[in-house]
Amino acid sequence: MKVHKITLSIIDFEDVGAEEIKNILENQKYPNYRIAPRVEEQEEREIGEFTDDHPLNKMDTAREAFKELFKGNDAILERILRQVGRERRLSDAVEARAARGLQSFD
């Protein structure tokens, strides 16, 4: 038997929320109960307005934008927010990130 660690990015278009996304992933009825996913930890970042030009919406920039957002690099976060037309002071971004923090689920 094995355990797999899989990193997903989920864009929450309908403001479903972290707890409901966790419940959806964990409570699906998989055939013959062959897998039993459990969300071990969860983080979120504000990405501004999601448009056709957003870095997370382009195949050639999505992976790097995702990595940079979750490395905690505030300069990259500010640049991405600026790209989608959401000007924000760096101190506001740092405070918002610290307020959200890392959520762990048992």
PDB file of N, CA and C in Angstrom:
ATOM      1  N   MET A   1       0.851  -1.178   0.000  1.00  0.00           N
ATOM      2  CA  MET A   1       0.000   0.000   0.000  1.00  0.00           C
ATOM      3  C   MET A   1       0.891   1.234   0.000  1.00  0.00           C
ATOM      4  N   LYS A   2       0.420   2.291  -0.630  1.00  0.00           N
ATOM      5  CA  LYS A   2       1.184   3.532  -0.719  1.00  0.00           C
ATOM      6  C   LYS A   2       0.301   4.711  -0.324  1.00  0.00           C
ATOM      7  N   VAL A   3       0.955   5.793   0.034  1.00  0.00           N
ATOM      8  CA  VAL A   3       0.278   7.076   0.209  1.00  0.00           C
ATOM      9  C   VAL A   3       0.904   8.025  -0.810  1.00  0.00           C
ATOM     10  N   HIS A   4       0.071   8.855  -1.433  1.00  0.00           N
ATOM     11  CA  HIS A   4       0.540   9.792  -2.450  1.00  0.00           C
ATOM     12  C   HIS A   4       0.291  11.216  -1.983  1.00  0.00           C
ATOM     13  N   LYS A   5       1.261  12.059  -2.215  1.00  0.00           N
ATOM     14  CA  LYS A   5       1.083  13.487  -1.962  1.00  0.00           C
ATOM     15  C   LYS A   5       0.868  14.144  -3.320  1.00  0.00           C
ATOM     16  N   ILE A   6      -0.285  14.808  -3.483  1.00  0.00           N
ATOM     17  CA  ILE A   6      -0.639  15.453  -4.739  1.00  0.00           C
ATOM     18  C   ILE A   6      -0.994  16.898  -4.438  1.00  0.00           C
ATOM     19  N   THR A   7      -0.376  17.817  -5.152  1.00  0.00           N
ATOM     20  CA  THR A   7      -0.663  19.232  -4.970  1.00  0.00           C
ATOM     21  C   THR A   7      -1.615  19.681  -6.061  1.00  0.00           C
ATOM     22  N   LEU A   8      -2.733  20.252  -5.672  1.00  0.00           N
ATOM     23  CA  LEU A   8      -3.739  20.746  -6.602  1.00  0.00           C
ATOM     24  C   LEU A   8      -3.847  22.256  -6.481  1.00  0.00           C
ATOM     25  N   SER A   9      -4.187  22.899  -7.564  1.00  0.00           N
ATOM     26  CA  SER A   9      -4.617  24.290  -7.463  1.00  0.00           C
ATOM     27  C   SER A   9      -6.093  24.302  -7.832  1.00  0.00           C
ATOM     28  N   ILE A  10      -6.900  24.937  -7.015  1.00  0.00           N
ATOM     29  CA  ILE A  10      -8.336  25.005  -7.245  1.00  0.00           C
ATOM     30  C   ILE A  10      -8.728  26.468  -7.247  1.00  0.00           C
ATOM     31  N   ILE A  11      -9.253  26.939  -8.361  1.00  0.00           N
ATOM     32  CA  ILE A  11      -9.708  28.319  -8.456  1.00  0.00           C
ATOM     33  C   ILE A  11     -11.184  28.331  -8.069  1.00  0.00           C
ATOM     34  N   ASP A  12     -11.493  29.068  -7.038  1.00  0.00           N
ATOM     35  CA  ASP A  12     -12.824  29.098  -6.431  1.00  0.00           C
ATOM     36  C   ASP A  12     -13.660  30.194  -7.101  1.00  0.00           C
ATOM     37  N   PHE A  13     -14.252  29.877  -8.252  1.00  0.00           N
ATOM     38  CA  PHE A  13     -15.039  30.855  -9.018  1.00  0.00           C
ATOM     39  C   PHE A  13     -16.316  31.264  -8.298  1.00  0.00           C
ATOM     40  N   GLU A  14     -16.892  30.376  -7.498  1.00  0.00           N
ATOM     41  CA  GLU A  14     -18.193  30.624  -6.870  1.00  0.00           C
ATOM     42  C   GLU A  14     -18.103  30.934  -5.378  1.00  0.00           C
ATOM     43  N   ASP A  15     -16.905  31.234  -4.876  1.00  0.00           N
ATOM     44  CA  ASP A  15     -16.699  31.518  -3.461  1.00  0.00           C
ATOM     45  C   ASP A  15     -17.238  30.391  -2.574  1.00  0.00           C
ATOM     46  N   VAL A  16     -16.908  29.163  -2.967  1.00  0.00           N
ATOM     47  CA  VAL A  16     -17.327  27.976  -2.220  1.00  0.00           C
ATOM     48  C   VAL A  16     -16.678  27.964  -0.841  1.00  0.00           C
ATOM     49  N   GLY A  17     -15.415  28.328  -0.772  1.00  0.00           N
ATOM     50  CA  GLY A  17     -14.704  28.397   0.499  1.00  0.00           C
ATOM     51  C   GLY A  17     -13.862  27.169   0.770  1.00  0.00           C
ATOM     52  N   ALA A  18     -12.838  27.359   1.571  1.00  0.00           N
ATOM     53  CA  ALA A  18     -11.850  26.318   1.849  1.00  0.00           C
ATOM     54  C   ALA A  18     -12.459  25.078   2.508  1.00  0.00           C
ATOM     55  N   GLU A  19     -13.306  25.277   3.489  1.00  0.00           N
ATOM     56  CA  GLU A  19     -13.869  24.129   4.219  1.00  0.00           C
ATOM     57  C   GLU A  19     -14.759  23.283   3.311  1.00  0.00           C
ATOM     58  N   GLU A  20     -15.572  23.915   2.470  1.00  0.00           N
ATOM     59  CA  GLU A  20     -16.447  23.163   1.571  1.00  0.00           C
ATOM     60  C   GLU A  20     -15.647  22.436   0.491  1.00  0.00           C
ATOM     61  N   ILE A  21     -14.594  23.071  -0.019  1.00  0.00           N
ATOM     62  CA  ILE A  21     -13.740  22.398  -1.000  1.00  0.00           C
ATOM     63  C   ILE A  21     -13.112  21.163  -0.363  1.00  0.00           C
ATOM     64  N   LYS A  22     -12.642  21.287   0.865  1.00  0.00           N
ATOM     65  CA  LYS A  22     -12.087  20.145   1.602  1.00  0.00           C
ATOM     66  C   LYS A  22     -13.129  19.034   1.711  1.00  0.00           C
ATOM     67  N   ASN A  23     -14.355  19.393   2.091  1.00  0.00           N
ATOM     68  CA  ASN A  23     -15.429  18.396   2.228  1.00  0.00           C
ATOM     69  C   ASN A  23     -15.750  17.713   0.905  1.00  0.00           C
ATOM     70  N   ILE A  24     -15.798  18.467  -0.177  1.00  0.00           N
ATOM     71  CA  ILE A  24     -16.075  17.892  -1.492  1.00  0.00           C
ATOM     72  C   ILE A  24     -15.012  16.858  -1.851  1.00  0.00           C
ATOM     73  N   LEU A  25     -13.755  17.212  -1.661  1.00  0.00           N
ATOM     74  CA  LEU A  25     -12.668  16.297  -2.013  1.00  0.00           C
ATOM     75  C   LEU A  25     -12.668  15.038  -1.147  1.00  0.00           C
ATOM     76  N   GLU A  26     -12.935  15.199   0.134  1.00  0.00           N
ATOM     77  CA  GLU A  26     -12.835  14.072   1.057  1.00  0.00           C
ATOM     78  C   GLU A  26     -14.072  13.172   1.069  1.00  0.00           C
ATOM     79  N   ASN A  27     -15.222  13.689   0.690  1.00  0.00           N
ATOM     80  CA  ASN A  27     -16.466  12.935   0.853  1.00  0.00           C
ATOM     81  C   ASN A  27     -17.053  12.383  -0.434  1.00  0.00           C
ATOM     82  N   GLN A  28     -16.264  12.337  -1.496  1.00  0.00           N
ATOM     83  CA  GLN A  28     -16.729  11.717  -2.738  1.00  0.00           C
ATOM     84  C   GLN A  28     -16.786  10.209  -2.547  1.00  0.00           C
ATOM     85  N   LYS A  29     -17.730   9.560  -3.206  1.00  0.00           N
ATOM     86  CA  LYS A  29     -17.844   8.092  -3.170  1.00  0.00           C
ATOM     87  C   LYS A  29     -17.056   7.530  -4.344  1.00  0.00           C
ATOM     88  N   TYR A  30     -15.836   7.122  -4.091  1.00  0.00           N
ATOM     89  CA  TYR A  30     -14.987   6.577  -5.131  1.00  0.00           C
ATOM     90  C   TYR A  30     -15.308   5.094  -5.312  1.00  0.00           C
ATOM     91  N   PRO A  31     -15.271   4.576  -6.551  1.00  0.00           N
ATOM     92  CA  PRO A  31     -15.643   3.171  -6.804  1.00  0.00           C
ATOM     93  C   PRO A  31     -14.924   2.207  -5.875  1.00  0.00           C
ATOM     94  N   ASN A  32     -15.711   1.380  -5.219  1.00  0.00           N
ATOM     95  CA  ASN A  32     -15.189   0.357  -4.308  1.00  0.00           C
ATOM     96  C   ASN A  32     -14.276   0.934  -3.228  1.00  0.00           C
ATOM     97  N   TYR A  33     -14.431   2.215  -2.951  1.00  0.00           N
ATOM     98  CA  TYR A  33     -13.611   2.880  -1.925  1.00  0.00           C
ATOM     99  C   TYR A  33     -12.126   2.625  -2.157  1.00  0.00           C
ATOM    100  N   ARG A  34     -11.710   2.663  -3.428  1.00  0.00           N
ATOM    101  CA  ARG A  34     -10.326   2.359  -3.792  1.00  0.00           C
ATOM    102  C   ARG A  34      -9.359   3.432  -3.329  1.00  0.00           C
ATOM    103  N   ILE A  35      -9.846   4.653  -3.158  1.00  0.00           N
ATOM    104  CA  ILE A  35      -8.998   5.709  -2.621  1.00  0.00           C
ATOM    105  C   ILE A  35      -9.757   6.438  -1.524  1.00  0.00           C
ATOM    106  N   ALA A  36      -9.023   7.009  -0.594  1.00  0.00           N
ATOM    107  CA  ALA A  36      -9.611   7.761   0.516  1.00  0.00           C
ATOM    108  C   ALA A  36      -8.812   9.047   0.710  1.00  0.00           C
ATOM    109  N   PRO A  37      -9.115  10.075  -0.088  1.00  0.00           N
ATOM    110  CA  PRO A  37      -8.350  11.319   0.034  1.00  0.00           C
ATOM    111  C   PRO A  37      -8.642  12.049   1.337  1.00  0.00           C
ATOM    112  N   ARG A  38      -7.637  12.714   1.855  1.00  0.00           N
ATOM    113  CA  ARG A  38      -7.789  13.538   3.055  1.00  0.00           C
ATOM    114  C   ARG A  38      -6.938  14.784   2.866  1.00  0.00           C
ATOM    115  N   VAL A  39      -7.521  15.925   3.078  1.00  0.00           N
ATOM    116  CA  VAL A  39      -6.796  17.188   2.975  1.00  0.00           C
ATOM    117  C   VAL A  39      -5.978  17.357   4.245  1.00  0.00           C
ATOM    118  N   GLU A  40      -4.668  17.372   4.110  1.00  0.00           N
ATOM    119  CA  GLU A  40      -3.767  17.483   5.258  1.00  0.00           C
ATOM    120  C   GLU A  40      -3.481  18.934   5.621  1.00  0.00           C
ATOM    121  N   GLU A  41      -3.335  19.780   4.624  1.00  0.00           N
ATOM    122  CA  GLU A  41      -3.123  21.198   4.867  1.00  0.00           C
ATOM    123  C   GLU A  41      -3.644  21.972   3.677  1.00  0.00           C
ATOM    124  N   GLN A  42      -3.911  23.224   3.918  1.00  0.00           N
ATOM    125  CA  GLN A  42      -4.536  24.040   2.896  1.00  0.00           C
ATOM    126  C   GLN A  42      -4.075  25.477   3.050  1.00  0.00           C
ATOM    127  N   GLU A  43      -3.762  26.130   1.950  1.00  0.00           N
ATOM    128  CA  GLU A  43      -3.388  27.538   1.937  1.00  0.00           C
ATOM    129  C   GLU A  43      -4.188  28.233   0.850  1.00  0.00           C
ATOM    130  N   GLU A  44      -4.352  29.526   0.998  1.00  0.00           N
ATOM    131  CA  GLU A  44      -5.012  30.290  -0.048  1.00  0.00           C
ATOM    132  C   GLU A  44      -4.291  31.606  -0.252  1.00  0.00           C
ATOM    133  N   ARG A  45      -4.427  32.147  -1.438  1.00  0.00           N
ATOM    134  CA  ARG A  45      -3.867  33.448  -1.781  1.00  0.00           C
ATOM    135  C   ARG A  45      -4.920  34.233  -2.557  1.00  0.00           C
ATOM    136  N   GLU A  46      -4.940  35.519  -2.366  1.00  0.00           N
ATOM    137  CA  GLU A  46      -5.772  36.414  -3.172  1.00  0.00           C
ATOM    138  C   GLU A  46      -5.086  36.569  -4.518  1.00  0.00           C
ATOM    139  N   ILE A  47      -5.827  36.392  -5.610  1.00  0.00           N
ATOM    140  CA  ILE A  47      -5.219  36.476  -6.941  1.00  0.00           C
ATOM    141  C   ILE A  47      -5.809  37.606  -7.779  1.00  0.00           C
ATOM    142  N   GLY A  48      -6.680  38.411  -7.207  1.00  0.00           N
ATOM    143  CA  GLY A  48      -7.284  39.488  -7.978  1.00  0.00           C
ATOM    144  C   GLY A  48      -8.340  38.957  -8.927  1.00  0.00           C
ATOM    145  N   GLU A  49      -8.738  39.774  -9.868  1.00  0.00           N
ATOM    146  CA  GLU A  49      -9.757  39.385 -10.842  1.00  0.00           C
ATOM    147  C   GLU A  49      -9.177  38.338 -11.791  1.00  0.00           C
ATOM    148  N   PHE A  50      -9.909  37.259 -11.998  1.00  0.00           N
ATOM    149  CA  PHE A  50      -9.456  36.179 -12.871  1.00  0.00           C
ATOM    150  C   PHE A  50      -9.964  36.451 -14.277  1.00  0.00           C
ATOM    151  N   THR A  51      -9.056  36.892 -15.151  1.00  0.00           N
ATOM    152  CA  THR A  51      -9.406  37.254 -16.524  1.00  0.00           C
ATOM    153  C   THR A  51      -8.672  36.336 -17.497  1.00  0.00           C
ATOM    154  N   ASP A  52      -8.954  36.514 -18.781  1.00  0.00           N
ATOM    155  CA  ASP A  52      -8.246  35.740 -19.804  1.00  0.00           C
ATOM    156  C   ASP A  52      -6.748  35.989 -19.761  1.00  0.00           C
ATOM    157  N   ASP A  53      -6.344  37.192 -19.326  1.00  0.00           N
ATOM    158  CA  ASP A  53      -4.923  37.554 -19.291  1.00  0.00           C
ATOM    159  C   ASP A  53      -4.230  37.218 -17.973  1.00  0.00           C
ATOM    160  N   HIS A  54      -4.960  36.687 -17.015  1.00  0.00           N
ATOM    161  CA  HIS A  54      -4.365  36.382 -15.712  1.00  0.00           C
ATOM    162  C   HIS A  54      -3.279  35.314 -15.878  1.00  0.00           C
ATOM    163  N   PRO A  55      -2.122  35.475 -15.197  1.00  0.00           N
ATOM    164  CA  PRO A  55      -1.027  34.495 -15.307  1.00  0.00           C
ATOM    165  C   PRO A  55      -1.439  33.065 -14.937  1.00  0.00           C
ATOM    166  N   LEU A  56      -2.395  32.890 -14.037  1.00  0.00           N
ATOM    167  CA  LEU A  56      -2.843  31.546 -13.672  1.00  0.00           C
ATOM    168  C   LEU A  56      -3.779  30.945 -14.721  1.00  0.00           C
ATOM    169  N   ASN A  57      -4.208  31.760 -15.677  1.00  0.00           N
ATOM    170  CA  ASN A  57      -5.135  31.309 -16.709  1.00  0.00           C
ATOM    171  C   ASN A  57      -4.430  31.076 -18.047  1.00  0.00           C
ATOM    172  N   LYS A  58      -3.108  31.064 -18.035  1.00  0.00           N
ATOM    173  CA  LYS A  58      -2.331  30.846 -19.259  1.00  0.00           C
ATOM    174  C   LYS A  58      -1.432  29.638 -19.067  1.00  0.00           C
ATOM    175  N   MET A  59      -1.453  28.739 -20.043  1.00  0.00           N
ATOM    176  CA  MET A  59      -0.654  27.517 -19.947  1.00  0.00           C
ATOM    177  C   MET A  59       0.839  27.805 -19.773  1.00  0.00           C
ATOM    178  N   ASP A  60       1.336  28.853 -20.418  1.00  0.00           N
ATOM    179  CA  ASP A  60       2.780  29.109 -20.377  1.00  0.00           C
ATOM    180  C   ASP A  60       3.237  29.832 -19.111  1.00  0.00           C
ATOM    181  N   THR A  61       2.322  30.363 -18.303  1.00  0.00           N
ATOM    182  CA  THR A  61       2.722  31.080 -17.083  1.00  0.00           C
ATOM    183  C   THR A  61       2.090  30.526 -15.803  1.00  0.00           C
ATOM    184  N   ALA A  62       1.103  29.647 -15.915  1.00  0.00           N
ATOM    185  CA  ALA A  62       0.341  29.194 -14.736  1.00  0.00           C
ATOM    186  C   ALA A  62       1.210  28.485 -13.703  1.00  0.00           C
ATOM    187  N   ARG A  63       2.042  27.565 -14.128  1.00  0.00           N
ATOM    188  CA  ARG A  63       2.849  26.794 -13.169  1.00  0.00           C
ATOM    189  C   ARG A  63       3.791  27.708 -12.378  1.00  0.00           C
ATOM    190  N   GLU A  64       4.483  28.605 -13.079  1.00  0.00           N
ATOM    191  CA  GLU A  64       5.416  29.505 -12.405  1.00  0.00           C
ATOM    192  C   GLU A  64       4.677  30.486 -11.495  1.00  0.00           C
ATOM    193  N   ALA A  65       3.531  31.011 -11.954  1.00  0.00           N
ATOM    194  CA  ALA A  65       2.740  31.930 -11.124  1.00  0.00           C
ATOM    195  C   ALA A  65       2.270  31.229  -9.855  1.00  0.00           C
ATOM    196  N   PHE A  66       1.826  29.982  -9.973  1.00  0.00           N
ATOM    197  CA  PHE A  66       1.397  29.197  -8.815  1.00  0.00           C
ATOM    198  C   PHE A  66       2.542  29.012  -7.830  1.00  0.00           C
ATOM    199  N   LYS A  67       3.693  28.603  -8.334  1.00  0.00           N
ATOM    200  CA  LYS A  67       4.857  28.396  -7.465  1.00  0.00           C
ATOM    201  C   LYS A  67       5.238  29.680  -6.740  1.00  0.00           C
ATOM    202  N   GLU A  68       5.258  30.774  -7.473  1.00  0.00           N
ATOM    203  CA  GLU A  68       5.646  32.056  -6.867  1.00  0.00           C
ATOM    204  C   GLU A  68       4.636  32.520  -5.824  1.00  0.00           C
ATOM    205  N   LEU A  69       3.357  32.346  -6.100  1.00  0.00           N
ATOM    206  CA  LEU A  69       2.338  32.748  -5.123  1.00  0.00           C
ATOM    207  C   LEU A  69       2.506  32.009  -3.801  1.00  0.00           C
ATOM    208  N   PHE A  70       2.817  30.737  -3.874  1.00  0.00           N
ATOM    209  CA  PHE A  70       2.877  29.935  -2.660  1.00  0.00           C
ATOM    210  C   PHE A  70       4.272  29.819  -2.063  1.00  0.00           C
ATOM    211  N   LYS A  71       5.261  30.499  -2.646  1.00  0.00           N
ATOM    212  CA  LYS A  71       6.565  30.603  -2.014  1.00  0.00           C
ATOM    213  C   LYS A  71       6.555  31.707  -0.967  1.00  0.00           C
ATOM    214  N   GLY A  72       5.520  32.526  -0.962  1.00  0.00           N
ATOM    215  CA  GLY A  72       5.452  33.626  -0.021  1.00  0.00           C
ATOM    216  C   GLY A  72       6.225  34.837  -0.482  1.00  0.00           C
ATOM    217  N   ASN A  73       6.515  34.936  -1.756  1.00  0.00           N
ATOM    218  CA  ASN A  73       7.271  36.047  -2.302  1.00  0.00           C
ATOM    219  C   ASN A  73       6.331  37.226  -2.537  1.00  0.00           C
ATOM    220  N   ASP A  74       6.344  38.203  -1.624  1.00  0.00           N
ATOM    221  CA  ASP A  74       5.407  39.318  -1.692  1.00  0.00           C
ATOM    222  C   ASP A  74       5.616  40.203  -2.912  1.00  0.00           C
ATOM    223  N   ALA A  75       6.832  40.285  -3.418  1.00  0.00           N
ATOM    224  CA  ALA A  75       7.076  41.088  -4.621  1.00  0.00           C
ATOM    225  C   ALA A  75       6.367  40.460  -5.819  1.00  0.00           C
ATOM    226  N   ILE A  76       6.404  39.146  -5.931  1.00  0.00           N
ATOM    227  CA  ILE A  76       5.717  38.457  -7.024  1.00  0.00           C
ATOM    228  C   ILE A  76       4.211  38.596  -6.854  1.00  0.00           C
ATOM    229  N   LEU A  77       3.724  38.431  -5.625  1.00  0.00           N
ATOM    230  CA  LEU A  77       2.296  38.592  -5.365  1.00  0.00           C
ATOM    231  C   LEU A  77       1.825  39.977  -5.785  1.00  0.00           C
ATOM    232  N   GLU A  78       2.572  40.997  -5.418  1.00  0.00           N
ATOM    233  CA  GLU A  78       2.192  42.357  -5.787  1.00  0.00           C
ATOM    234  C   GLU A  78       2.190  42.532  -7.303  1.00  0.00           C
ATOM    235  N   ARG A  79       3.175  41.977  -7.998  1.00  0.00           N
ATOM    236  CA  ARG A  79       3.237  42.086  -9.460  1.00  0.00           C
ATOM    237  C   ARG A  79       2.042  41.413 -10.124  1.00  0.00           C
ATOM    238  N   ILE A  80       1.661  40.243  -9.639  1.00  0.00           N
ATOM    239  CA  ILE A  80       0.516  39.535 -10.214  1.00  0.00           C
ATOM    240  C   ILE A  80      -0.768  40.315  -9.978  1.00  0.00           C
ATOM    241  N   LEU A  81      -0.942  40.832  -8.773  1.00  0.00           N
ATOM    242  CA  LEU A  81      -2.139  41.631  -8.496  1.00  0.00           C
ATOM    243  C   LEU A  81      -2.183  42.870  -9.387  1.00  0.00           C
ATOM    244  N   ARG A  82      -1.047  43.495  -9.617  1.00  0.00           N
ATOM    245  CA  ARG A  82      -0.974  44.675 -10.478  1.00  0.00           C
ATOM    246  C   ARG A  82      -1.322  44.298 -11.916  1.00  0.00           C
ATOM    247  N   GLN A  83      -0.861  43.129 -12.376  1.00  0.00           N
ATOM    248  CA  GLN A  83      -1.126  42.685 -13.739  1.00  0.00           C
ATOM    249  C   GLN A  83      -2.622  42.564 -14.012  1.00  0.00           C
ATOM    250  N   VAL A  84      -3.400  42.208 -13.037  1.00  0.00           N
ATOM    251  CA  VAL A  84      -4.836  42.037 -13.259  1.00  0.00           C
ATOM    252  C   VAL A  84      -5.620  43.272 -12.830  1.00  0.00           C
ATOM    253  N   GLY A  85      -4.911  44.384 -12.640  1.00  0.00           N
ATOM    254  CA  GLY A  85      -5.575  45.661 -12.385  1.00  0.00           C
ATOM    255  C   GLY A  85      -5.996  45.889 -10.951  1.00  0.00           C
ATOM    256  N   ARG A  86      -5.407  45.169 -10.016  1.00  0.00           N
ATOM    257  CA  ARG A  86      -5.772  45.337  -8.609  1.00  0.00           C
ATOM    258  C   ARG A  86      -4.580  45.913  -7.858  1.00  0.00           C
ATOM    259  N   GLU A  87      -4.374  47.215  -7.949  1.00  0.00           N
ATOM    260  CA  GLU A  87      -3.271  47.868  -7.243  1.00  0.00           C
ATOM    261  C   GLU A  87      -3.452  47.648  -5.731  1.00  0.00           C
ATOM    262  N   ARG A  88      -2.346  47.368  -5.095  1.00  0.00           N
ATOM    263  CA  ARG A  88      -2.409  47.089  -3.661  1.00  0.00           C
ATOM    264  C   ARG A  88      -1.059  47.411  -3.048  1.00  0.00           C
ATOM    265  N   ARG A  89      -1.052  48.058  -1.915  1.00  0.00           N
ATOM    266  CA  ARG A  89       0.206  48.341  -1.242  1.00  0.00           C
ATOM    267  C   ARG A  89       0.810  47.052  -0.694  1.00  0.00           C
ATOM    268  N   LEU A  90       2.115  46.935  -0.740  1.00  0.00           N
ATOM    269  CA  LEU A  90       2.801  45.740  -0.286  1.00  0.00           C
ATOM    270  C   LEU A  90       2.476  45.424   1.169  1.00  0.00           C
ATOM    271  N   SER A  91       2.389  46.432   2.005  1.00  0.00           N
ATOM    272  CA  SER A  91       2.085  46.171   3.416  1.00  0.00           C
ATOM    273  C   SER A  91       0.702  45.549   3.578  1.00  0.00           C
ATOM    274  N   ASP A  92      -0.267  45.939   2.753  1.00  0.00           N
ATOM    275  CA  ASP A  92      -1.603  45.330   2.804  1.00  0.00           C
ATOM    276  C   ASP A  92      -1.540  43.858   2.406  1.00  0.00           C
ATOM    277  N   ALA A  93      -0.745  43.553   1.365  1.00  0.00           N
ATOM    278  CA  ALA A  93      -0.612  42.170   0.917  1.00  0.00           C
ATOM    279  C   ALA A  93       0.027  41.305   1.996  1.00  0.00           C
ATOM    280  N   VAL A  94       1.041  41.841   2.663  1.00  0.00           N
ATOM    281  CA  VAL A  94       1.722  41.092   3.724  1.00  0.00           C
ATOM    282  C   VAL A  94       0.766  40.842   4.891  1.00  0.00           C
ATOM    283  N   GLU A  95       0.019  41.858   5.291  1.00  0.00           N
ATOM    284  CA  GLU A  95      -0.943  41.706   6.386  1.00  0.00           C
ATOM    285  C   GLU A  95      -2.034  40.704   6.033  1.00  0.00           C
ATOM    286  N   ALA A  96      -2.561  40.775   4.804  1.00  0.00           N
ATOM    287  CA  ALA A  96      -3.610  39.848   4.381  1.00  0.00           C
ATOM    288  C   ALA A  96      -3.086  38.416   4.366  1.00  0.00           C
ATOM    289  N   ARG A  97      -1.863  38.225   3.873  1.00  0.00           N
ATOM    290  CA  ARG A  97      -1.286  36.883   3.839  1.00  0.00           C
ATOM    291  C   ARG A  97      -1.091  36.339   5.247  1.00  0.00           C
ATOM    292  N   ALA A  98      -0.606  37.154   6.150  1.00  0.00           N
ATOM    293  CA  ALA A  98      -0.391  36.714   7.532  1.00  0.00           C
ATOM    294  C   ALA A  98      -1.713  36.401   8.217  1.00  0.00           C
ATOM    295  N   ALA A  99      -2.753  37.159   7.907  1.00  0.00           N
ATOM    296  CA  ALA A  99      -4.062  36.912   8.530  1.00  0.00           C
ATOM    297  C   ALA A  99      -4.657  35.587   8.070  1.00  0.00           C
ATOM    298  N   ARG A 100      -4.435  35.235   6.813  1.00  0.00           N
ATOM    299  CA  ARG A 100      -4.973  33.971   6.293  1.00  0.00           C
ATOM    300  C   ARG A 100      -4.187  32.784   6.798  1.00  0.00           C
ATOM    301  N   GLY A 101      -2.886  32.858   6.698  1.00  0.00           N
ATOM    302  CA  GLY A 101      -2.006  31.810   7.219  1.00  0.00           C
ATOM    303  C   GLY A 101      -2.279  30.439   6.641  1.00  0.00           C
ATOM    304  N   LEU A 102      -1.690  29.432   7.269  1.00  0.00           N
ATOM    305  CA  LEU A 102      -1.817  28.031   6.861  1.00  0.00           C
ATOM    306  C   LEU A 102      -2.901  27.386   7.701  1.00  0.00           C
ATOM    307  N   GLN A 103      -3.830  26.710   7.030  1.00  0.00           N
ATOM    308  CA  GLN A 103      -4.886  25.998   7.734  1.00  0.00           C
ATOM    309  C   GLN A 103      -4.585  24.514   7.705  1.00  0.00           C
ATOM    310  N   SER A 104      -4.574  23.865   8.864  1.00  0.00           N
ATOM    311  CA  SER A 104      -4.388  22.413   8.911  1.00  0.00           C
ATOM    312  C   SER A 104      -5.689  21.772   9.344  1.00  0.00           C
ATOM    313  N   PHE A 105      -5.956  20.603   8.797  1.00  0.00           N
ATOM    314  CA  PHE A 105      -7.166  19.881   9.138  1.00  0.00           C
ATOM    315  C   PHE A 105      -6.783  18.541   9.707  1.00  0.00           C
ATOM    316  N   ASP A 106      -7.452  18.140  10.751  1.00  0.00           N
ATOM    317  CA  ASP A 106      -7.187  16.820  11.362  1.00  0.00           C
ATOM    318  C   ASP A 106      -8.046  15.763  10.710  1.00  0.00           C
TER     319      ASP A 106
END
